[in-house]
Amino acid sequence: MFSKPQPWSAGDATDAIRGIARSDCLELIMTKHARVQAAERSLIASDVLYVLKNGFVYDEPQVSTQRGCYKYAIESRSPNSGSRTVRIITVPNDQSCTLKVVTVMWVD
């Protein structure tokens, strides 16, 4: 899928996460925490997927607890977020076409 090794720059991370999210092979994994956070904000899985497909990464990645993996914050408005911007922390794996969603939050 995406040939550059991690950690990615913000631009490369945006491209990679969007590419994985739009792929037919996508495996979307949401932690229990992420599911609870999304539900508390009246967001559904399609909102999360929308942000992953259309959002932007602005910040540098953070080292994940899983060795060799990095967490990225991607953000965008979604169909059910009104005028509020949603930030999703995700751990992408382009080799396995996986996006693990760690948490879902409002930017403001």
Protein backbone atom coordinates (compact mmCIF):
# COMPACT_ATOMS: atom_id res chain seq x y z
CA MET A 1 0.00 0.00 0.00
CA PHE A 2 2.16 2.88 1.29
CA SER A 3 5.85 2.27 0.81
CA LYS A 4 7.45 4.76 3.22
CA PRO A 5 8.51 3.46 6.64
CA GLN A 6 7.02 5.08 9.73
CA PRO A 7 7.08 7.56 11.34
CA TRP A 8 5.41 9.56 8.56
CA SER A 9 5.28 13.32 8.09
CA ALA A 10 1.87 14.91 8.54
CA GLY A 11 1.31 14.99 4.77
CA ASP A 12 2.40 11.39 4.25
CA ALA A 13 0.29 10.26 7.22
CA THR A 14 -2.76 12.02 5.78
CA ASP A 15 -2.26 10.27 2.44
CA ALA A 16 -1.56 6.87 4.02
CA ILE A 17 -4.50 6.92 6.46
CA ARG A 18 -6.90 8.11 3.76
CA GLY A 19 -5.61 5.41 1.41
CA ILE A 20 -6.03 2.65 3.97
CA ALA A 21 -9.50 3.92 4.95
CA ARG A 22 -10.62 3.92 1.30
CA SER A 23 -9.19 0.50 0.55
CA ASP A 24 -11.40 -2.54 -0.04
CA CYS A 25 -9.14 -4.52 2.30
CA LEU A 26 -9.60 -2.13 5.27
CA GLU A 27 -9.84 -3.72 8.70
CA LEU A 28 -11.17 -1.06 11.07
CA ILE A 29 -10.54 -1.89 14.72
CA MET A 30 -12.13 0.33 17.38
CA THR A 31 -11.02 -0.05 20.97
CA LYS A 32 -13.71 -0.22 23.64
CA HIS A 33 -12.61 3.26 24.75
CA ALA A 34 -13.05 4.63 21.21
CA ARG A 35 -16.53 3.07 20.91
CA VAL A 36 -17.58 4.63 24.22
CA GLN A 37 -16.14 8.03 23.30
CA ALA A 38 -17.88 8.00 19.91
CA ALA A 39 -21.21 7.00 21.47
CA GLU A 40 -20.93 9.77 24.10
CA ARG A 41 -20.60 12.24 21.20
CA SER A 42 -23.51 10.69 19.25
CA LEU A 43 -21.11 9.62 16.51
CA ILE A 44 -21.40 6.31 14.68
CA ALA A 45 -18.89 4.13 12.86
CA SER A 46 -19.60 5.85 9.55
CA ASP A 47 -18.60 9.20 11.13
CA VAL A 48 -15.32 7.68 12.22
CA LEU A 49 -14.76 6.26 8.75
CA TYR A 50 -15.65 9.62 7.19
CA VAL A 51 -12.96 11.39 9.25
CA LEU A 52 -10.41 8.68 8.39
CA LYS A 53 -11.21 9.01 4.67
CA ASN A 54 -11.35 12.81 4.51
CA GLY A 55 -9.44 14.24 7.46
CA PHE A 56 -6.02 15.79 7.83
CA VAL A 57 -3.09 14.98 10.09
CA TYR A 58 -1.53 18.19 11.44
CA ASP A 59 0.71 17.04 14.29
CA GLU A 60 3.78 14.88 14.59
CA PRO A 61 3.12 11.20 15.43
CA GLN A 62 3.47 9.76 18.91
CA VAL A 63 5.17 6.45 19.63
CA SER A 64 2.61 3.71 20.24
CA THR A 65 2.85 1.11 22.98
CA GLN A 66 3.20 -1.50 20.23
CA ARG A 67 6.82 -1.57 19.10
CA GLY A 68 7.44 -0.01 15.69
CA CYS A 69 3.97 1.57 15.52
CA TYR A 70 2.94 5.19 15.76
CA LYS A 71 -0.24 7.04 16.72
CA TYR A 72 -1.53 9.80 14.49
CA ALA A 73 -4.25 12.38 15.15
CA ILE A 74 -6.48 12.94 12.12
CA GLU A 75 -9.30 15.45 12.18
CA SER A 76 -12.28 16.67 10.20
CA ARG A 77 -15.95 17.46 10.58
CA SER A 78 -18.26 14.50 9.98
CA PRO A 79 -21.90 14.18 8.87
CA ASN A 80 -23.16 13.92 12.47
CA SER A 81 -20.76 16.35 14.14
CA GLY A 82 -22.52 19.54 13.08
CA SER A 83 -20.05 22.39 13.06
CA ARG A 84 -17.67 20.58 15.45
CA THR A 85 -14.42 19.01 14.36
CA VAL A 86 -13.71 15.42 15.35
CA ARG A 87 -10.18 14.22 16.15
CA ILE A 88 -9.40 10.52 15.93
CA ILE A 89 -6.25 8.95 17.27
CA THR A 90 -5.37 5.99 15.10
CA VAL A 91 -2.56 3.48 14.74
CA PRO A 92 -2.28 2.64 11.04
CA ASN A 93 -0.66 -0.46 9.61
CA ASP A 94 -0.39 -0.14 5.87
CA GLN A 95 1.06 -3.64 5.48
CA SER A 96 -2.03 -5.31 6.99
CA CYS A 97 -4.46 -2.59 5.78
CA THR A 98 -5.52 -1.93 9.38
CA LEU A 99 -6.57 1.22 11.19
CA LYS A 100 -6.84 0.82 14.95
CA VAL A 101 -8.90 3.66 16.42
CA VAL A 102 -7.69 4.42 19.94
CA THR A 103 -9.99 7.34 20.81
CA VAL A 104 -12.50 9.79 19.37
CA MET A 105 -12.76 13.37 20.67
CA TRP A 106 -13.91 16.88 19.87
CA VAL A 107 -11.14 19.28 18.86
CA ASP A 108 -12.66 22.24 20.76
